[in-house]
Amino acid sequence: MTLDQAINRHAAEMIDLLGALVAIPSVSGRERPVTEFVAEYARRLGFAVDLWQADEEELARLGPLPPKFLPLSGRPTLVVRCPGAGGGRSLMFNAHSDVVAAPDAGSWKFGPWSGMVHEDKLHGRGACDTKGPLVSALWAMRALQSSGARLAGDVLLELIPGEEDCVGLGTLTSVARGWKCDGVVILEPTEGEPRCASRGGLRFEITSLGKSVHGTVKWLGEDAIAQTPRILQALNKLESQWNDRAADDLFSKYPVMRPITVDAIHGGEWQGMICDRCVCAGYLELLPGDDLNEWALKFQQSVLSELGDRGRFTVQIVEQYFGHRTPPSSVLCSAAAEAAGTKIWSGFNSGCEAGLRARLHQTPTLVWGPGSLAQAHAVDEYVELQQLKSVAAQFASLCSLYCR
């Protein structure tokens, strides 16, 4: 059986699998059921399975951990292995098991956990970020198995917790376990095109301080919430100043080179009171060549300079994640270009797990998968089934080329 025949043979099975995965609401912190589901599925297919529970103490031996993340307890990591004959390069697919929340379920056309197929699209939270890409990788492994292809190198799939909560921590659980590989494909929605670079970034918290009083005598207090527009204006100004379109040709097609996004504002604890403390939290996405420590200092100093009143504001960096860049001339990129028909390379316009193994082990890394960032985290998230299938075929071809 050829690889194309094997891909077609398993189409219905894989679409059903994706629907089942989407139906499991694996919001960050509640990943165990979906990880165990995939582990059992892989066992039934005859793949080797390593399922374990990591803890923060063993990860801390590799270096300091981020100051904020959800506890790892009850959030296992999985590696599925399709062993090669020996003597070839190994390729690892990396997917995260968690998804973002879907709090306004009533606004979804089919419901966030429906896994509904409609007009050749499968709908639901995680359909493209990143359970769809996960299924494309499993589909490729299933096709390789069914076709009787005997590769020299191993094909692996790791399913890690917590990417939506704290980028890099989940992959660190696999690194601490001792899993290594010669090449990595980070499974993210890239519209079916392999990307050879990804963003690093900084997560920040900007706190404005005020003075609490009863709301009926508000003129005697200082409202911290009222300072929020000043913070947003300062961030917009800095984003414009740092929008150097010539800074990296792999990201030049995107209209914003270093996006600054505020995704949470928290202020006030008691009704009827003027707020004395308000926090604007978000992230600054950077380019692969940007030094994270230098930009952390630059961001803190620039924000405080724009706001002016240093005694009234504090700026903290609470997380940083590394970008990556793999030369298009590398063996991995050459194999991907042949498998996908890629002629022009670009970067993935987001932070993801790509920076960790690239930084720790200098592992050549791609970001690749069906679906679009325009759908990720959105109401009515979906993935196109035809793209799910075509990327699975490309993944199978990549394995055949790279692991021989």
Protein backbone atom coordinates (compact mmCIF):
# COMPACT_ATOMS: atom_id res chain seq x y z
CA MET A 1 0.00 0.00 0.00
CA THR A 2 1.33 3.44 -0.92
CA LEU A 3 1.37 6.35 1.51
CA ASP A 4 -1.37 8.13 -0.46
CA GLN A 5 -3.55 5.03 -0.30
CA ALA A 6 -2.94 4.75 3.44
CA ILE A 7 -3.82 8.41 3.98
CA ASN A 8 -7.12 7.93 2.12
CA ARG A 9 -7.87 4.65 3.87
CA HIS A 10 -7.78 6.24 7.33
CA ALA A 11 -9.61 9.49 6.52
CA ALA A 12 -12.90 8.66 8.27
CA GLU A 13 -11.09 7.27 11.32
CA MET A 14 -8.98 10.42 11.70
CA ILE A 15 -11.90 12.81 11.33
CA ASP A 16 -13.75 10.85 14.01
CA LEU A 17 -10.64 11.00 16.19
CA LEU A 18 -10.45 14.78 15.89
CA GLY A 19 -14.12 15.12 16.78
CA ALA A 20 -13.55 12.99 19.88
CA LEU A 21 -10.54 15.06 20.93
CA VAL A 22 -12.39 18.37 20.48
CA ALA A 23 -15.24 16.98 22.61
CA ILE A 24 -12.82 16.73 25.57
CA PRO A 25 -12.61 20.24 27.11
CA SER A 26 -8.89 20.19 27.91
CA VAL A 27 -8.61 23.79 29.12
CA SER A 28 -5.20 24.53 30.69
CA GLY A 29 -4.99 22.69 33.99
CA ARG A 30 -7.38 19.93 32.91
CA GLU A 31 -5.34 18.12 30.25
CA ARG A 32 -5.23 14.61 31.77
CA PRO A 33 -8.32 13.13 30.04
CA VAL A 34 -7.27 14.12 26.52
CA THR A 35 -3.65 13.00 27.06
CA GLU A 36 -4.77 9.62 28.38
CA PHE A 37 -7.21 9.30 25.46
CA VAL A 38 -4.39 9.79 22.93
CA ALA A 39 -2.12 7.41 24.87
CA GLU A 40 -4.75 4.65 24.77
CA TYR A 41 -5.40 5.26 21.07
CA ALA A 42 -1.66 4.98 20.32
CA ARG A 43 -1.39 1.76 22.36
CA ARG A 44 -4.23 0.18 20.39
CA LEU A 45 -2.34 0.96 17.18
CA GLY A 46 0.76 -0.78 18.53
CA PHE A 47 2.94 2.31 19.01
CA ALA A 48 5.33 2.51 21.95
CA VAL A 49 3.91 4.83 24.63
CA ASP A 50 5.63 6.74 27.43
CA LEU A 51 3.07 8.46 29.70
CA TRP A 52 4.29 10.10 32.89
CA GLN A 53 3.68 12.80 35.45
CA ALA A 54 6.43 15.42 35.70
CA ASP A 55 6.93 17.64 38.72
CA GLU A 56 8.36 21.10 39.17
CA GLU A 57 11.29 19.93 41.29
CA GLU A 58 12.86 17.79 38.56
CA LEU A 59 12.35 20.57 36.00
CA ALA A 60 14.05 23.11 38.27
CA ARG A 61 17.28 21.09 37.99
CA LEU A 62 17.52 22.29 34.38
CA GLY A 63 17.31 25.96 35.35
CA PRO A 64 15.03 28.54 36.95
CA LEU A 65 11.33 28.09 36.21
CA PRO A 66 8.97 30.93 35.23
CA PRO A 67 7.58 32.82 38.24
CA LYS A 68 3.97 32.04 37.30
CA PHE A 69 2.41 28.85 35.93
CA LEU A 70 -0.33 26.37 36.80
CA PRO A 71 0.90 23.41 38.92
CA LEU A 72 1.86 20.36 36.85
CA SER A 73 0.11 17.88 39.14
CA GLY A 74 -2.56 15.97 37.22
CA ARG A 75 -1.25 17.17 33.85
CA PRO A 76 0.78 14.31 32.33
CA THR A 77 3.12 14.33 29.35
CA LEU A 78 3.03 11.72 26.58
CA VAL A 79 5.55 10.54 23.98
CA VAL A 80 4.39 8.16 21.24
CA ARG A 81 7.14 6.37 19.32
CA CYS A 82 7.14 4.66 15.97
CA PRO A 83 10.58 3.01 16.01
CA GLY A 84 12.83 3.00 12.98
CA ALA A 85 15.21 0.29 11.85
CA GLY A 86 18.22 2.26 13.10
CA GLY A 87 20.87 4.50 11.61
CA GLY A 88 18.60 7.32 10.45
CA ARG A 89 17.53 10.72 11.68
CA SER A 90 14.70 10.91 14.21
CA LEU A 91 11.82 13.35 13.82
CA MET A 92 9.57 14.50 16.65
CA PHE A 93 6.18 16.15 16.33
CA ASN A 94 5.26 18.39 19.29
CA ALA A 95 1.66 19.25 20.22
CA HIS A 96 0.17 20.85 23.31
CA SER A 97 -2.76 19.12 24.98
CA ASP A 98 -4.36 22.24 26.44
CA VAL A 99 -6.75 24.71 24.84
CA VAL A 100 -7.95 28.15 25.88
CA ALA A 101 -11.34 28.51 27.54
CA ALA A 102 -14.60 29.09 25.68
CA PRO A 103 -16.60 31.04 28.29
CA ASP A 104 -19.36 32.31 25.99
CA ALA A 105 -20.59 28.95 24.68
CA GLY A 106 -23.92 30.43 23.62
CA SER A 107 -22.26 32.56 20.95
CA TRP A 108 -20.89 29.50 19.11
CA LYS A 109 -22.79 28.23 16.10
CA PHE A 110 -22.26 24.56 17.00
CA GLY A 111 -20.91 24.74 20.56
CA PRO A 112 -17.24 24.84 21.56
CA TRP A 113 -17.03 21.12 22.41
CA SER A 114 -19.25 19.79 19.62
CA GLY A 115 -16.64 18.58 17.11
CA MET A 116 -19.36 19.18 14.53
CA VAL A 117 -18.53 18.64 10.85
CA HIS A 118 -20.25 21.15 8.58
CA GLU A 119 -19.34 22.15 5.02
CA ASP A 120 -16.03 20.23 5.13
CA LYS A 121 -14.94 21.96 8.34
CA LEU A 122 -14.70 20.53 11.84
CA HIS A 123 -15.77 23.05 14.46
CA GLY A 124 -14.87 23.42 18.13
CA ARG A 125 -12.32 24.76 20.57
CA GLY A 126 -8.90 23.37 19.72
CA ALA A 127 -9.91 22.28 16.22
CA CYS A 128 -6.98 24.22 14.77
CA ASP A 129 -5.06 25.08 17.97
CA THR A 130 -3.87 22.50 18.14
CA LYS A 131 -5.82 19.24 18.03
CA GLY A 132 -6.18 19.43 14.24
CA PRO A 133 -2.40 19.57 13.71
CA LEU A 134 -2.04 16.78 16.30
CA VAL A 135 -4.40 14.56 14.29
CA SER A 136 -2.50 15.35 11.06
CA ALA A 137 0.67 14.03 12.72
CA LEU A 138 -1.08 10.92 14.07
CA TRP A 139 -2.60 10.41 10.63
CA ALA A 140 0.87 10.49 9.05
CA MET A 141 2.19 7.99 11.61
CA ARG A 142 -0.82 5.74 11.01
CA ALA A 143 -0.26 5.90 7.25
CA LEU A 144 3.43 5.07 7.60
CA GLN A 145 2.51 2.10 9.76
CA SER A 146 -0.21 0.83 7.39
CA SER A 147 1.87 1.26 4.26
CA GLY A 148 4.64 -0.90 5.65
CA ALA A 149 7.18 1.89 5.23
CA ARG A 150 10.33 1.00 7.14
CA LEU A 151 12.21 4.13 8.09
CA ALA A 152 15.72 4.15 9.48
CA GLY A 153 14.98 6.81 12.12
CA ASP A 154 12.28 7.02 14.78
CA VAL A 155 9.13 9.10 14.32
CA LEU A 156 7.91 10.49 17.63
CA LEU A 157 5.00 12.55 18.87
CA GLU A 158 5.09 14.37 22.19
CA LEU A 159 1.91 15.75 23.75
CA ILE A 160 2.78 18.31 26.40
CA PRO A 161 0.67 20.27 28.90
CA GLY A 162 0.39 23.97 29.49
CA GLU A 163 1.45 25.80 26.32
CA GLU A 164 -1.52 28.16 26.59
CA ASP A 165 -0.63 28.77 30.23
CA CYS A 166 3.17 29.07 30.09
CA VAL A 167 5.10 28.60 26.84
CA GLY A 168 8.01 26.16 27.06
CA LEU A 169 7.25 24.56 30.42
CA GLY A 170 5.45 21.56 28.92
CA THR A 171 8.24 20.73 26.47
CA LEU A 172 10.69 21.03 29.36
CA THR A 173 8.95 18.04 30.99
CA SER A 174 9.92 15.93 27.97
CA VAL A 175 13.47 17.29 27.89
CA ALA A 176 13.85 16.47 31.59
CA ARG A 177 12.63 12.95 30.85
CA GLY A 178 15.54 12.56 28.42
CA TRP A 179 13.73 12.63 25.10
CA LYS A 180 15.87 13.98 22.25
CA CYS A 181 15.57 14.02 18.48
CA ASP A 182 17.35 15.18 15.33
CA GLY A 183 14.52 17.38 14.09
CA VAL A 184 11.28 18.83 15.47
CA VAL A 185 7.99 19.92 13.96
CA ILE A 186 5.96 22.09 16.33
CA LEU A 187 2.31 21.49 15.55
CA GLU A 188 0.52 24.83 15.24
CA PRO A 189 -1.91 26.33 12.71
CA THR A 190 0.23 27.64 9.83
CA GLU A 191 -2.32 27.40 7.00
CA GLY A 192 -0.60 24.20 5.90
CA GLU A 193 2.75 25.87 5.21
CA PRO A 194 5.98 24.97 7.06
CA ARG A 195 7.55 27.93 8.89
CA CYS A 196 11.26 27.99 9.67
CA ALA A 197 11.18 30.65 12.42
CA SER A 198 8.98 31.72 15.31
CA ARG A 199 8.69 34.63 17.71
CA GLY A 200 10.10 34.95 21.19
CA GLY A 201 8.29 37.13 23.65
CA LEU A 202 7.78 38.68 27.06
CA ARG A 203 4.70 38.54 29.26
CA PHE A 204 4.28 41.71 31.32
CA GLU A 205 2.19 43.15 34.11
CA ILE A 206 1.87 46.92 34.38
CA THR A 207 0.42 48.00 37.72
CA SER A 208 -1.08 51.43 38.37
CA LEU A 209 -1.37 52.46 42.01
CA GLY A 210 -4.05 54.69 43.51
CA LYS A 211 -5.73 55.45 46.82
CA SER A 212 -8.91 53.74 48.02
CA VAL A 213 -11.84 55.67 49.46
CA HIS A 214 -15.59 55.19 49.56
CA GLY A 215 -17.16 55.91 46.20
CA THR A 216 -19.37 58.65 47.61
CA VAL A 217 -16.28 60.75 48.38
CA LYS A 218 -14.31 59.72 45.30
CA TRP A 219 -12.60 63.11 45.06
CA LEU A 220 -10.59 62.21 48.14
CA GLY A 221 -9.07 59.12 46.48
CA GLU A 222 -6.99 58.29 43.41
CA ASP A 223 -8.56 55.86 40.94
CA ALA A 224 -6.04 53.30 39.63
CA ILE A 225 -8.47 52.10 36.95
CA ALA A 226 -8.60 55.61 35.46
CA GLN A 227 -4.90 55.29 34.57
CA THR A 228 -5.57 52.39 32.17
CA PRO A 229 -6.06 54.60 29.07
CA ARG A 230 -2.63 56.15 29.69
CA ILE A 231 -1.07 52.68 29.74
CA LEU A 232 -2.82 51.59 26.55
CA GLN A 233 -1.79 54.80 24.79
CA ALA A 234 1.84 54.30 25.84
CA LEU A 235 1.84 50.70 24.57
CA ASN A 236 0.34 51.70 21.23
CA LYS A 237 3.02 54.36 20.83
CA LEU A 238 5.83 51.91 21.59
CA GLU A 239 4.40 49.30 19.21
CA SER A 240 4.48 51.91 16.46
CA GLN A 241 8.04 53.00 17.32
CA TRP A 242 9.30 49.41 17.28
CA ASN A 243 7.59 48.47 14.01
CA ASP A 244 10.82 48.19 12.00
CA ARG A 245 9.61 46.42 8.85
CA ALA A 246 13.18 45.71 7.72
CA ALA A 247 14.24 44.02 10.96
CA ASP A 248 13.64 40.43 9.75
CA ASP A 249 12.70 39.40 6.23
CA LEU A 250 10.97 36.24 7.46
CA PHE A 251 8.38 38.42 9.23
CA SER A 252 8.21 41.36 6.82
CA LYS A 253 4.84 40.27 5.39
CA TYR A 254 3.13 40.92 8.73
CA PRO A 255 1.89 44.50 9.33
CA VAL A 256 3.20 44.63 12.93
CA MET A 257 6.75 43.46 13.53
CA ARG A 258 6.65 43.45 17.34
CA PRO A 259 3.00 43.23 18.47
CA ILE A 260 2.06 44.40 21.98
CA THR A 261 -1.23 42.94 23.21
CA VAL A 262 -3.08 43.59 26.47
CA ASP A 263 -5.22 40.52 27.17
CA ALA A 264 -6.33 41.13 30.77
CA ILE A 265 -7.15 44.09 33.01
CA HIS A 266 -7.80 43.50 36.71
CA GLY A 267 -8.79 46.19 39.18
CA GLY A 268 -10.98 46.58 42.24
CA GLU A 269 -11.93 44.08 44.94
CA TRP A 270 -14.94 45.63 46.68
CA GLN A 271 -17.97 47.36 45.27
CA GLY A 272 -18.51 50.97 46.25
CA MET A 273 -14.78 51.71 46.56
CA ILE A 274 -12.28 53.63 44.46
CA CYS A 275 -9.70 51.14 43.16
CA ASP A 276 -6.19 51.49 44.57
CA ARG A 277 -4.49 48.89 42.34
CA CYS A 278 -5.11 47.96 38.67
CA VAL A 279 -3.05 45.56 36.56
CA CYS A 280 -2.80 45.52 32.76
CA ALA A 281 -1.32 42.21 31.63
CA GLY A 282 -0.25 41.10 28.18
CA TYR A 283 2.68 40.22 26.01
CA LEU A 284 5.26 41.73 23.70
CA GLU A 285 6.04 39.41 20.78
CA LEU A 286 9.59 39.73 19.48
CA LEU A 287 11.70 38.56 16.54
CA PRO A 288 13.98 35.50 16.69
CA GLY A 289 17.11 37.64 16.81
CA ASP A 290 15.90 39.93 19.61
CA ASP A 291 17.70 39.46 22.93
CA LEU A 292 15.00 38.79 25.53
CA ASN A 293 16.88 40.28 28.46
CA GLU A 294 17.75 43.44 26.56
CA TRP A 295 14.16 43.86 25.41
CA ALA A 296 12.81 43.21 28.90
CA LEU A 297 14.87 46.11 30.24
CA LYS A 298 14.03 48.27 27.23
CA PHE A 299 10.31 47.58 27.64
CA GLN A 300 10.30 48.39 31.35
CA GLN A 301 12.27 51.60 30.93
CA SER A 302 10.29 52.74 27.87
CA VAL A 303 6.88 52.17 29.47
CA LEU A 304 7.85 54.02 32.63
CA SER A 305 9.34 56.85 30.56
CA GLU A 306 6.12 57.20 28.55
CA LEU A 307 3.95 57.17 31.69
CA GLY A 308 6.12 59.72 33.44
CA ASP A 309 5.06 59.17 37.06
CA ARG A 310 7.38 56.34 38.12
CA GLY A 311 6.05 56.28 41.68
CA ARG A 312 2.57 55.49 40.43
CA PHE A 313 3.40 52.60 38.09
CA THR A 314 5.40 49.37 38.18
CA VAL A 315 6.34 47.14 35.23
CA GLN A 316 7.15 43.45 35.75
CA ILE A 317 8.19 40.75 33.28
CA VAL A 318 6.55 37.55 34.53
CA GLU A 319 7.41 35.16 31.68
CA GLN A 320 9.72 34.98 28.69
CA TYR A 321 9.76 32.49 25.85
CA PHE A 322 12.37 31.99 23.16
CA GLY A 323 11.95 32.24 19.42
CA HIS A 324 13.89 30.20 16.91
CA ARG A 325 15.27 30.31 13.39
CA THR A 326 16.27 27.31 11.27
CA PRO A 327 18.19 28.03 8.05
CA PRO A 328 16.17 27.19 4.92
CA SER A 329 19.29 25.39 3.69
CA SER A 330 19.12 22.85 6.54
CA VAL A 331 18.35 19.19 5.87
CA LEU A 332 15.03 19.49 7.71
CA CYS A 333 13.92 22.53 5.70
CA SER A 334 15.02 20.91 2.45
CA ALA A 335 12.95 17.82 3.23
CA ALA A 336 9.97 19.96 4.22
CA ALA A 337 10.26 22.05 1.07
CA GLU A 338 10.16 18.88 -1.04
CA ALA A 339 7.24 17.41 0.93
CA ALA A 340 5.14 20.59 0.85
CA GLY A 341 6.31 22.23 -2.37
CA THR A 342 7.57 25.26 -0.43
CA LYS A 343 9.53 27.83 -2.43
CA ILE A 344 9.45 30.91 -0.19
CA TRP A 345 10.05 30.67 3.57
CA SER A 346 8.52 32.83 6.28
CA GLY A 347 8.20 32.90 10.06
CA PHE A 348 5.35 31.80 12.31
CA ASN A 349 3.72 34.95 13.61
CA SER A 350 3.48 33.85 17.24
CA GLY A 351 5.39 32.46 20.15
CA CYS A 352 5.17 28.68 20.65
CA GLU A 353 7.16 25.69 21.88
CA ALA A 354 9.69 25.97 19.04
CA GLY A 355 12.34 27.89 20.96
CA LEU A 356 13.04 25.35 23.69
CA ARG A 357 14.76 22.42 21.97
CA ALA A 358 16.27 24.82 19.42
CA ARG A 359 17.93 26.71 22.29
CA LEU A 360 18.84 23.79 24.59
CA HIS A 361 19.90 21.21 21.99
CA GLN A 362 20.26 23.29 18.80
CA THR A 363 17.62 21.02 17.26
CA PRO A 364 16.49 22.07 13.76
CA THR A 365 12.86 23.08 14.16
CA LEU A 366 9.83 23.85 12.01
CA VAL A 367 6.35 25.10 12.90
CA TRP A 368 3.66 23.50 10.75
CA GLY A 369 0.06 22.41 10.70
CA PRO A 370 -3.42 22.84 9.23
CA GLY A 371 -5.62 25.74 10.31
CA SER A 372 -5.04 29.46 10.68
CA LEU A 373 -4.12 31.80 13.52
CA ALA A 374 -7.18 33.79 12.43
CA GLN A 375 -9.25 30.89 13.83
CA ALA A 376 -7.14 30.06 16.89
CA HIS A 377 -8.78 31.20 20.16
CA ALA A 378 -11.75 32.55 18.18
CA VAL A 379 -15.46 31.90 18.57
CA ASP A 380 -16.50 29.21 16.03
CA GLU A 381 -12.92 27.94 15.72
CA TYR A 382 -12.60 25.35 12.95
CA VAL A 383 -10.18 23.47 10.74
CA GLU A 384 -10.74 22.57 7.09
CA LEU A 385 -10.82 18.81 6.64
CA GLN A 386 -9.13 18.90 3.24
CA GLN A 387 -6.20 20.81 4.72
CA LEU A 388 -6.09 18.36 7.66
CA LYS A 389 -5.69 15.55 5.14
CA SER A 390 -3.21 17.30 2.84
CA VAL A 391 -0.93 18.22 5.75
CA ALA A 392 -1.07 14.63 7.00
CA ALA A 393 0.15 13.48 3.59
CA GLN A 394 2.92 16.10 3.68
CA PHE A 395 3.95 14.97 7.17
CA ALA A 396 4.15 11.36 5.99
CA SER A 397 6.29 12.44 3.05
CA LEU A 398 8.50 14.51 5.37
CA CYS A 399 9.11 11.48 7.58
CA SER A 400 9.99 9.34 4.57
CA LEU A 401 12.47 11.94 3.34
CA TYR A 402 14.03 12.97 6.66
CA CYS A 403 14.16 9.68 8.57
CA ARG A 404 15.57 7.49 5.81
